[in-house]
């Protein structure tokens, strides 16, 4: 479009020249599209800006800009400097611009400005860059009366709150759980967001099953809370020592019995001792899993 100083010059030259300026200004005026093209991409990925072009016309130059900042393009009669954005590449003899290794900061409005022989056109493309969240993980901290469960997901965009999926929660006026917090933390360098939430479950009504949490379109594994934990059998030194003590007392009793049997040798005593005590001793040792048979040892010469 003509500058204000140029217009003032032609005004001073008379009506005929002023009319010529008006015609020239109208011919080369900027034609802007009323429709904004929407383009989506993911962080780390690639997109292609396909700027609309009239193939029936001859393109004098093509500028791809963000605001008033030139990013890439070409000119039919002169050399265009290297693109400001190193992650862009212009497709030869085309108005298609490829953008690589997308960042969240690449989101925004871009301008496709094309000059033909008789007109300049502009189209706008809105780029929206997102990032998928990681699969949420649920960690539990429980006691006899409550369970605190924290659901966390990392590295997504835009900021999204954690949603809790609790079967039957909509059918009660006073659900046995309460959301303690729901926060999103953004990383300054990448703009990526970590999302987390903590829920307090009341265990007075027993176990709650098939629970999960989600961030965006990513859902955690199912989990349960307030479930009674089955403790495995534990073997303490006292439990191990008690049967051994009983075994030792029985052996001592049998030996003393044999010593007090008059007219019997030690061998006769071993052969004719208290059979009921020996039988009980054998059964007890069998239960305790002893490898050697104490009865056979006792009967050995």
Protein backbone atom coordinates (compact mmCIF):
# COMPACT_ATOMS: atom_id res chain seq x y z
CA UNK A 1 0.00 0.00 0.00
CA UNK A 2 1.25 3.52 -0.75
CA UNK A 3 2.83 5.50 2.07
CA UNK A 4 1.23 8.72 3.41
CA UNK A 5 4.06 10.88 2.02
CA UNK A 6 3.60 9.40 -1.45
CA UNK A 7 -0.14 10.08 -1.34
CA UNK A 8 0.43 13.72 -0.32
CA UNK A 9 2.81 14.13 -3.28
CA UNK A 10 0.24 12.91 -5.80
CA UNK A 11 -2.49 15.08 -4.20
CA UNK A 12 -0.40 18.15 -5.02
CA UNK A 13 -0.11 17.06 -8.65
CA UNK A 14 -3.81 17.31 -9.45
CA UNK A 15 -6.98 15.18 -9.61
CA UNK A 16 -5.85 12.89 -12.45
CA UNK A 17 -2.77 11.69 -10.61
CA UNK A 18 -4.74 11.28 -7.37
CA UNK A 19 -7.22 9.05 -9.17
CA UNK A 20 -4.33 6.94 -10.41
CA UNK A 21 -3.06 6.54 -6.85
CA UNK A 22 -6.48 5.38 -5.68
CA UNK A 23 -6.63 2.74 -8.41
CA UNK A 24 -3.07 1.57 -7.64
CA UNK A 25 -3.85 1.37 -3.90
CA UNK A 26 -7.00 -0.67 -4.46
CA UNK A 27 -5.25 -3.05 -6.84
CA UNK A 28 -2.44 -3.88 -4.39
CA UNK A 29 -4.53 -3.80 -1.22
CA UNK A 30 -4.29 -6.71 1.16
CA UNK A 31 -7.02 -9.32 0.92
CA UNK A 32 -7.38 -11.14 4.25
CA UNK A 33 -9.23 -14.42 4.66
CA UNK A 34 -12.05 -14.42 7.19
CA UNK A 35 -11.44 -18.06 8.15
CA UNK A 36 -8.63 -19.09 10.50
CA UNK A 37 -7.19 -22.52 9.72
CA UNK A 38 -6.74 -24.77 12.78
CA UNK A 39 -3.63 -26.96 13.03
CA UNK A 40 -2.74 -29.34 15.87
CA UNK A 41 0.50 -31.07 16.81
CA UNK A 42 2.22 -32.84 19.71
CA UNK A 43 5.37 -31.78 21.51
CA UNK A 44 8.38 -33.39 19.86
CA UNK A 45 6.43 -34.09 16.67
CA UNK A 46 6.13 -32.40 13.26
CA UNK A 47 3.44 -30.42 11.42
CA UNK A 48 3.04 -28.89 7.97
CA UNK A 49 1.55 -25.44 7.39
CA UNK A 50 -0.27 -25.65 4.05
CA UNK A 51 -0.76 -22.02 3.18
CA UNK A 52 -3.56 -21.60 0.60
CA UNK A 53 -2.38 -20.46 -2.82
CA UNK A 54 -4.12 -19.59 -6.10
CA UNK A 55 -2.33 -21.77 -8.65
CA UNK A 56 -3.90 -19.79 -11.51
CA UNK A 57 -1.90 -16.72 -10.51
CA UNK A 58 1.84 -16.04 -10.54
CA UNK A 59 3.38 -15.73 -7.09
CA UNK A 60 5.79 -12.81 -6.71
CA UNK A 61 6.74 -13.63 -3.13
CA UNK A 62 5.55 -15.69 -0.14
CA UNK A 63 6.19 -14.74 3.50
CA UNK A 64 5.50 -17.08 6.42
CA UNK A 65 5.33 -14.99 9.58
CA UNK A 66 4.40 -15.06 13.24
CA UNK A 67 2.96 -11.64 13.90
CA UNK A 68 5.29 -9.21 12.14
CA UNK A 69 8.33 -11.51 12.42
CA UNK A 70 9.45 -13.20 9.18
CA UNK A 71 10.11 -16.93 9.67
CA UNK A 72 10.49 -18.40 6.19
CA UNK A 73 9.49 -17.83 2.57
CA UNK A 74 10.81 -16.89 -0.87
CA UNK A 75 10.92 -14.01 -3.33
CA UNK A 76 10.83 -14.34 -7.13
CA UNK A 77 13.39 -11.64 -7.82
CA UNK A 78 15.71 -11.53 -4.81
CA UNK A 79 17.33 -13.80 -2.24
CA UNK A 80 15.57 -14.38 1.05
CA UNK A 81 17.81 -14.69 4.16
CA UNK A 82 17.99 -17.92 6.10
CA UNK A 83 14.84 -18.66 8.14
CA UNK A 84 14.76 -17.34 11.68
CA UNK A 85 13.29 -20.61 12.97
CA UNK A 86 15.83 -23.36 12.38
CA UNK A 87 13.17 -26.04 12.85
CA UNK A 88 11.26 -24.90 9.73
CA UNK A 89 11.78 -25.89 6.11
CA UNK A 90 10.06 -24.47 3.05
CA UNK A 91 9.00 -27.01 0.45
CA UNK A 92 10.55 -25.96 -2.92
CA UNK A 93 8.22 -24.10 -5.30
CA UNK A 94 5.45 -24.35 -2.77
CA UNK A 95 3.75 -22.49 0.06
CA UNK A 96 4.02 -25.46 2.41
CA UNK A 97 6.19 -24.94 5.51
CA UNK A 98 7.31 -27.95 7.57
CA UNK A 99 7.99 -27.43 11.29
CA UNK A 100 9.98 -30.06 13.21
CA UNK A 101 10.61 -30.92 16.89
CA UNK A 102 7.60 -28.98 18.13
CA UNK A 103 7.70 -27.24 21.51
CA UNK A 104 4.74 -26.02 23.54
CA UNK A 105 6.02 -22.48 22.92
CA UNK A 106 5.43 -22.96 19.16
CA UNK A 107 1.68 -22.63 19.77
CA UNK A 108 0.24 -19.45 18.32
CA UNK A 109 -1.08 -17.61 15.27
CA UNK A 110 0.89 -17.75 12.00
CA UNK A 111 0.41 -15.67 8.85
CA UNK A 112 0.69 -16.79 5.23
CA UNK A 113 1.21 -13.65 3.08
CA UNK A 114 1.37 -14.07 -0.69
CA UNK A 115 1.79 -11.40 -3.35
CA UNK A 116 0.60 -12.15 -6.85
CA UNK A 117 0.99 -9.78 -9.80
CA UNK A 118 -2.08 -7.79 -8.89
CA UNK A 119 -3.04 -8.62 -5.29
CA UNK A 120 -1.70 -9.57 -1.85
CA UNK A 121 -3.52 -12.23 0.17
CA UNK A 122 -3.19 -13.28 3.79
CA UNK A 123 -4.38 -16.43 5.53
CA UNK A 124 -4.02 -17.21 9.22
CA UNK A 125 -3.20 -20.58 10.74
CA UNK A 126 -3.63 -21.24 14.48
CA UNK A 127 -1.19 -23.87 15.74
CA UNK A 128 -2.03 -25.69 18.99
CA UNK A 129 0.69 -27.91 20.45
CA UNK A 130 -0.26 -30.42 23.15
CA UNK A 131 1.58 -33.17 25.06
CA UNK A 132 0.12 -36.48 26.32
CA UNK A 133 0.30 -37.20 30.04
CA UNK A 134 2.04 -40.29 31.38
CA UNK A 135 -0.08 -43.16 32.70
CA UNK A 136 -1.29 -42.11 36.19
CA UNK A 137 0.04 -44.04 39.18
CA UNK A 138 -1.78 -44.42 42.50
CA UNK A 139 0.10 -44.70 45.80
CA UNK A 140 -1.65 -45.60 49.07
CA UNK A 141 -1.01 -44.90 52.74
CA UNK A 142 -3.54 -46.65 54.99
CA UNK A 143 -4.31 -47.35 58.63
CA UNK A 144 -7.31 -48.90 60.41
CA UNK A 145 -9.65 -45.96 59.82
CA UNK A 146 -8.64 -44.30 56.52
CA UNK A 147 -6.63 -44.50 53.32
CA UNK A 148 -4.84 -41.58 51.66
CA UNK A 149 -4.40 -42.22 47.93
CA UNK A 150 -2.35 -39.94 45.67
CA UNK A 151 -2.75 -40.12 41.90
CA UNK A 152 0.01 -38.50 39.79
CA UNK A 153 0.71 -38.05 36.07
CA UNK A 154 3.60 -36.20 34.45
CA UNK A 155 4.74 -34.28 31.37
CA UNK A 156 1.46 -33.24 29.74
CA UNK A 157 -0.04 -30.09 28.25
CA UNK A 158 -2.30 -28.22 28.71
CA UNK A 159 -2.79 -28.33 32.47
CA UNK A 160 -5.48 -30.89 33.31
CA UNK A 161 -6.93 -31.89 36.66
CA UNK A 162 -6.96 -35.47 37.95
CA UNK A 163 -10.37 -37.14 37.75
CA UNK A 164 -11.29 -39.90 40.20
CA UNK A 165 -13.36 -42.85 38.94
CA UNK A 166 -15.18 -44.37 41.93
CA UNK A 167 -18.06 -46.76 41.17
CA UNK A 168 -21.33 -45.84 42.91
CA UNK A 169 -20.10 -42.45 44.12
CA UNK A 170 -22.86 -40.62 42.25
CA UNK A 171 -25.59 -42.60 43.98
CA UNK A 172 -24.91 -41.33 47.49
CA UNK A 173 -25.28 -37.91 49.09
CA UNK A 174 -22.35 -38.40 51.47
CA UNK A 175 -19.63 -40.44 49.74
CA UNK A 176 -17.00 -42.03 52.02
CA UNK A 177 -14.20 -40.06 50.40
CA UNK A 178 -12.98 -36.49 50.08
CA UNK A 179 -10.63 -34.80 47.62
CA UNK A 180 -7.88 -33.15 49.66
CA UNK A 181 -6.12 -31.39 46.75
CA UNK A 182 -5.84 -31.27 42.96
CA UNK A 183 -2.79 -29.40 41.67
CA UNK A 184 -0.91 -28.77 38.43
CA UNK A 185 2.76 -27.73 38.39
CA UNK A 186 4.27 -26.28 35.19
CA UNK A 187 7.96 -26.58 34.30
CA UNK A 188 9.30 -23.19 33.24
CA UNK A 189 11.75 -24.47 30.62
CA UNK A 190 9.43 -26.85 28.75
CA UNK A 191 6.01 -25.58 29.87
CA UNK A 192 5.02 -29.23 30.47
CA UNK A 193 2.72 -29.87 33.42
CA UNK A 194 2.70 -32.44 36.26
CA UNK A 195 -0.78 -33.14 37.65
CA UNK A 196 -1.59 -34.80 40.99
CA UNK A 197 -4.43 -35.21 43.47
CA UNK A 198 -4.92 -36.81 46.90
CA UNK A 199 -8.15 -38.36 48.19
CA UNK A 200 -9.00 -39.32 51.77
CA UNK A 201 -11.05 -42.55 51.93
CA UNK A 202 -13.08 -43.40 55.05
CA UNK A 203 -12.68 -47.12 55.80
CA UNK A 204 -15.62 -47.41 58.22
CA UNK A 205 -17.82 -48.98 55.51
CA UNK A 206 -15.27 -51.58 54.47
CA UNK A 207 -13.38 -52.25 51.27
CA UNK A 208 -13.81 -50.17 48.09
CA UNK A 209 -12.92 -51.94 44.83
CA UNK A 210 -12.32 -51.15 41.15
CA UNK A 211 -11.12 -47.59 41.73
CA UNK A 212 -9.02 -45.63 39.23
CA UNK A 213 -7.95 -42.11 38.28
CA UNK A 214 -7.37 -40.39 34.97
CA UNK A 215 -5.69 -37.32 33.49
CA UNK A 216 -6.92 -36.32 30.06
CA UNK A 217 -7.53 -39.54 28.15
CA UNK A 218 -5.05 -41.67 30.14
CA UNK A 219 -6.34 -43.88 32.98
CA UNK A 220 -4.51 -45.69 35.80
CA UNK A 221 -4.75 -49.38 36.66
CA UNK A 222 -7.63 -50.46 38.91
CA UNK A 223 -6.93 -50.55 42.64
CA UNK A 224 -8.79 -51.07 45.94
CA UNK A 225 -8.62 -49.41 49.35
CA UNK A 226 -9.59 -50.26 52.93
CA UNK A 227 -8.96 -53.95 52.26
CA UNK A 228 -7.85 -56.08 55.24
CA UNK A 229 -4.30 -57.20 54.77
CA UNK A 230 -3.61 -60.90 55.31
CA UNK A 231 -0.40 -61.17 57.31
CA UNK A 232 1.80 -64.18 56.52
CA UNK A 233 2.72 -66.66 59.29
CA UNK A 234 5.73 -65.48 61.20
CA UNK A 235 8.16 -67.71 63.04
CA UNK A 236 9.58 -66.07 66.14
CA UNK A 237 12.36 -67.55 68.26
CA UNK A 238 9.83 -68.18 71.03
CA UNK A 239 7.60 -70.29 68.76
CA UNK A 240 10.58 -72.36 67.65
CA UNK A 241 12.06 -72.79 71.13
CA UNK A 242 8.83 -73.91 72.82
CA UNK A 243 8.50 -77.33 71.09
CA UNK A 244 12.20 -77.96 71.61
CA UNK A 245 11.84 -77.32 75.34
CA UNK A 246 8.94 -79.77 75.56
CA UNK A 247 10.96 -82.35 73.66
CA UNK A 248 13.91 -81.94 76.03
CA UNK A 249 11.71 -82.39 79.11
CA UNK A 250 10.24 -85.60 77.71
CA UNK A 251 13.71 -87.01 77.03
CA UNK A 252 14.84 -86.15 80.55
CA UNK A 253 11.74 -87.76 82.04
CA UNK A 254 12.28 -90.98 80.09
CA UNK A 255 15.94 -91.16 81.12
CA UNK A 256 15.14 -90.61 84.79
CA UNK A 257 12.46 -93.26 84.58
CA UNK A 258 14.96 -95.73 83.23
CA UNK A 259 17.48 -94.97 85.96
CA UNK A 260 14.95 -95.72 88.64
CA UNK A 261 13.88 -99.03 87.15
CA UNK A 262 15.47 -101.65 89.43
CA UNK A 263 16.97 -104.79 87.99
CA UNK A 264 17.11 -103.41 84.43
CA UNK A 265 20.16 -102.56 82.44
CA UNK A 266 20.40 -99.45 80.37
CA UNK A 267 19.57 -101.49 77.29
CA UNK A 268 16.54 -103.09 78.91
CA UNK A 269 15.41 -99.66 79.98
CA UNK A 270 15.60 -98.36 76.46
CA UNK A 271 13.70 -101.39 75.19
CA UNK A 272 11.07 -101.48 77.93
CA UNK A 273 10.67 -97.77 78.67
CA UNK A 274 7.49 -95.85 78.64
CA UNK A 275 6.10 -96.73 75.19
CA UNK A 276 3.38 -94.10 75.32
CA UNK A 277 5.96 -91.35 75.95
CA UNK A 278 8.15 -92.65 73.14
CA UNK A 279 5.17 -92.72 70.77
CA UNK A 280 4.26 -89.14 71.71
CA UNK A 281 7.89 -88.12 71.21
CA UNK A 282 7.94 -89.64 67.72
CA UNK A 283 4.72 -87.91 66.65
CA UNK A 284 5.93 -84.55 67.97
CA UNK A 285 9.22 -84.78 66.12
CA UNK A 286 7.39 -85.74 62.93
CA UNK A 287 5.24 -82.62 63.18
CA UNK A 288 8.29 -80.42 63.69
CA UNK A 289 9.80 -81.76 60.46
CA UNK A 290 12.92 -83.30 62.01
CA UNK A 291 15.02 -85.22 59.50
CA UNK A 292 16.16 -87.88 61.97
CA UNK A 293 13.83 -90.14 63.95
CA UNK A 294 14.51 -89.43 67.68
CA UNK A 295 12.97 -92.79 68.65
CA UNK A 296 15.45 -94.69 66.48
CA UNK A 297 18.31 -92.65 67.92
CA UNK A 298 17.13 -93.42 71.42
CA UNK A 299 16.85 -97.14 70.68
CA UNK A 300 20.31 -97.28 69.12
CA UNK A 301 22.81 -99.39 71.21
